[in-house]
Amino acid sequence: MVVKSEFEKLGLHYVNVELGEATIKEDITPQQLKLLSKNLKKTGLLLMDDKKSILVEKIKLIIIELVHYTEDQIKVNLSDFISEKLNFDYSYLSNLFTEVKGTTIENYYLAHKIERVKELIVYDELNLSEIAYKMHYSSVAHLSNQFKKITGLTPSHFKNLKHKRRRSLGEL
């Protein structure tokens, strides 16, 4: 709603406003662009008009949605999935992402998967086998190895730390 109201204040007519992207009917003047950017910044939003940055943000959104909000496993590999979604060659996307973010798409994806695994461990509603299944790991061992590689801890040790912390807080 914030973005739409900022467009309206500037007399701009939007065709479409979605997460991370907006389309307007008319050409925007440099003054309008500057004012829009300033007003959005006040609300914590950034105006991105650099096509490369926009593409990187779209890659990030695809990965975040895939890891945190999609239950189904994708039917193709990650590179094909992202390439098809954005209609760009994966080599181009991969090089661009690495150039802008300083990490590969795969590492970004794995980091998000492990963050999601941490959340599931902390929620304590699923055991490790169920988490491995939910997060589409081939086995608990595969999940554990990746978890340790990224965090330096085993999932069990991470879970125990959480329980110790909770007890310590409860003893205060």
Protein backbone atom coordinates (compact mmCIF):
# COMPACT_ATOMS: atom_id res chain seq x y z
CA MET A 1 0.00 0.00 0.00
CA VAL A 2 2.89 2.39 0.74
CA VAL A 3 4.25 2.17 -2.80
CA LYS A 4 0.81 2.68 -4.35
CA SER A 5 0.13 5.75 -2.22
CA GLU A 6 3.54 7.24 -3.11
CA PHE A 7 2.72 6.82 -6.80
CA GLU A 8 -0.65 8.50 -6.25
CA LYS A 9 0.97 11.44 -4.40
CA LEU A 10 3.19 12.02 -7.44
CA GLY A 11 0.28 11.73 -9.88
CA LEU A 12 1.63 8.50 -11.36
CA HIS A 13 -0.70 5.74 -12.49
CA TYR A 14 0.46 2.22 -11.73
CA VAL A 15 -0.47 -0.78 -13.79
CA ASN A 16 0.94 -3.33 -11.41
CA VAL A 17 2.58 -3.29 -7.98
CA GLU A 18 3.92 -6.59 -6.72
CA LEU A 19 6.54 -7.57 -4.20
CA GLY A 20 9.74 -5.99 -5.41
CA GLU A 21 8.40 -4.62 -8.68
CA ALA A 22 6.11 -1.90 -9.99
CA THR A 23 4.97 -0.89 -13.46
CA ILE A 24 3.65 2.59 -14.19
CA LYS A 25 1.77 3.89 -17.23
CA GLU A 26 3.70 7.08 -17.88
CA ASP A 27 7.36 8.05 -18.07
CA ILE A 28 8.72 9.23 -14.75
CA THR A 29 10.63 12.51 -14.61
CA PRO A 30 13.99 12.71 -12.82
CA GLN A 31 12.36 14.91 -10.18
CA GLN A 32 9.56 12.41 -9.60
CA LEU A 33 12.09 9.58 -9.40
CA LYS A 34 14.16 11.47 -6.83
CA LEU A 35 11.10 12.30 -4.73
CA LEU A 36 9.78 8.73 -4.97
CA SER A 37 13.14 7.36 -3.87
CA LYS A 38 13.32 9.81 -0.94
CA ASN A 39 9.76 9.03 0.24
CA LEU A 40 10.22 5.26 -0.06
CA LYS A 41 13.49 5.45 1.87
CA LYS A 42 11.60 7.07 4.77
CA THR A 43 9.42 3.94 4.99
CA GLY A 44 12.40 1.59 4.86
CA LEU A 45 12.03 0.72 1.18
CA LEU A 46 14.65 1.24 -1.48
CA LEU A 47 14.01 2.18 -5.08
CA MET A 48 16.06 0.03 -7.39
CA ASP A 49 16.31 1.07 -10.98
CA ASP A 50 19.47 -0.88 -11.77
CA LYS A 51 18.41 -3.91 -13.84
CA LYS A 52 21.20 -6.11 -12.45
CA SER A 53 20.25 -5.39 -8.83
CA ILE A 54 16.60 -6.07 -9.63
CA LEU A 55 17.50 -9.42 -11.19
CA VAL A 56 19.59 -10.38 -8.15
CA GLU A 57 16.69 -9.46 -5.85
CA LYS A 58 14.37 -11.64 -7.94
CA ILE A 59 16.79 -14.58 -7.57
CA LYS A 60 16.86 -14.03 -3.81
CA LEU A 61 13.04 -13.90 -3.65
CA ILE A 62 12.73 -17.14 -5.64
CA ILE A 63 15.11 -18.91 -3.26
CA ILE A 64 13.46 -17.53 -0.12
CA GLU A 65 10.01 -18.53 -1.36
CA LEU A 66 11.28 -21.96 -2.38
CA VAL A 67 12.94 -22.65 0.98
CA HIS A 68 10.60 -20.97 3.43
CA TYR A 69 7.15 -21.06 1.85
CA THR A 70 6.96 -23.96 -0.60
CA GLU A 71 6.28 -27.47 0.63
CA ASP A 72 6.71 -29.21 -2.72
CA GLN A 73 10.10 -30.14 -4.06
CA ILE A 74 10.92 -28.64 -7.43
CA LYS A 75 10.81 -31.13 -10.28
CA VAL A 76 13.98 -29.84 -11.97
CA ASN A 77 17.34 -28.81 -10.56
CA LEU A 78 17.72 -25.39 -8.98
CA SER A 79 19.61 -23.86 -11.90
CA ASP A 80 16.91 -24.86 -14.41
CA PHE A 81 14.16 -23.72 -12.03
CA ILE A 82 15.63 -20.22 -11.60
CA SER A 83 16.52 -19.95 -15.27
CA GLU A 84 12.96 -20.85 -16.32
CA LYS A 85 11.36 -18.52 -13.76
CA LEU A 86 13.39 -15.51 -14.89
CA ASN A 87 13.79 -16.43 -18.55
CA PHE A 88 17.57 -15.92 -18.52
CA ASP A 89 20.51 -18.23 -19.13
CA TYR A 90 21.65 -19.67 -15.81
CA SER A 91 25.34 -18.94 -16.45
CA TYR A 92 24.50 -15.25 -16.79
CA LEU A 93 22.36 -15.29 -13.62
CA SER A 94 24.99 -17.21 -11.68
CA ASN A 95 27.82 -14.87 -12.67
CA LEU A 96 25.71 -11.80 -11.97
CA PHE A 97 24.63 -13.09 -8.55
CA THR A 98 28.20 -13.93 -7.55
CA GLU A 99 29.44 -10.54 -8.77
CA VAL A 100 26.79 -8.62 -6.80
CA LYS A 101 26.43 -10.77 -3.66
CA GLY A 102 29.94 -12.22 -3.34
CA THR A 103 28.57 -15.75 -3.03
CA THR A 104 27.13 -18.31 -5.40
CA ILE A 105 23.42 -18.94 -5.88
CA GLU A 106 23.98 -22.47 -4.57
CA ASN A 107 25.66 -21.25 -1.38
CA TYR A 108 22.89 -18.70 -0.85
CA TYR A 109 20.32 -21.47 -1.33
CA LEU A 110 22.11 -23.82 1.08
CA ALA A 111 22.46 -21.09 3.70
CA HIS A 112 18.71 -20.46 3.54
CA LYS A 113 17.96 -24.18 3.75
CA ILE A 114 20.10 -24.46 6.88
CA GLU A 115 18.43 -21.37 8.40
CA ARG A 116 15.07 -23.06 7.79
CA VAL A 117 16.37 -26.27 9.36
CA LYS A 118 17.47 -24.25 12.42
CA GLU A 119 13.95 -22.79 12.69
CA LEU A 120 12.42 -26.26 12.51
CA ILE A 121 14.82 -27.55 15.16
CA VAL A 122 13.99 -24.62 17.46
CA TYR A 123 10.23 -25.11 16.97
CA ASP A 124 10.81 -28.67 18.24
CA GLU A 125 7.75 -30.06 16.47
CA LEU A 126 9.58 -32.41 14.08
CA ASN A 127 12.37 -34.89 14.62
CA LEU A 128 15.47 -34.79 12.44
CA SER A 129 14.16 -37.46 10.05
CA GLU A 130 10.98 -35.46 9.50
CA ILE A 131 12.99 -32.27 8.99
CA ALA A 132 15.26 -34.01 6.46
CA TYR A 133 12.19 -35.23 4.58
CA LYS A 134 10.43 -31.85 4.72
CA MET A 135 13.54 -30.03 3.47
CA HIS A 136 14.09 -32.59 0.68
CA TYR A 137 17.37 -34.04 1.90
CA SER A 138 18.18 -37.55 0.69
CA SER A 139 18.93 -38.64 4.27
CA VAL A 140 19.46 -37.43 7.83
CA ALA A 141 23.20 -37.98 7.29
CA HIS A 142 23.15 -35.64 4.27
CA LEU A 143 21.29 -32.99 6.29
CA SER A 144 23.66 -33.41 9.25
CA ASN A 145 26.77 -33.13 7.08
CA GLN A 146 25.51 -29.99 5.37
CA PHE A 147 24.37 -28.49 8.68
CA LYS A 148 27.78 -29.09 10.26
CA LYS A 149 29.63 -27.77 7.21
CA ILE A 150 27.70 -24.49 7.34
CA THR A 151 27.24 -23.96 11.09
CA GLY A 152 30.16 -25.89 12.56
CA LEU A 153 27.69 -27.77 14.77
CA THR A 154 25.74 -30.98 14.42
CA PRO A 155 21.96 -30.57 14.47
CA SER A 156 21.87 -32.43 17.82
CA HIS A 157 24.44 -30.09 19.35
CA PHE A 158 22.50 -27.09 18.04
CA LYS A 159 19.31 -28.47 19.59
CA ASN A 160 21.06 -29.09 22.92
CA LEU A 161 22.39 -25.53 22.96
CA LYS A 162 18.85 -24.27 22.51
CA HIS A 163 17.62 -26.43 25.42
CA LYS A 164 20.51 -25.31 27.68
CA ARG A 165 19.81 -21.68 26.85
CA ARG A 166 16.12 -22.13 27.64
CA ARG A 167 16.94 -23.77 31.01
CA SER A 168 19.43 -21.04 31.85
CA LEU A 169 16.84 -18.37 31.17
CA GLY A 170 14.28 -20.28 33.24
CA GLU A 171 16.67 -20.43 36.20
CA LEU A 172 17.04 -16.64 36.34
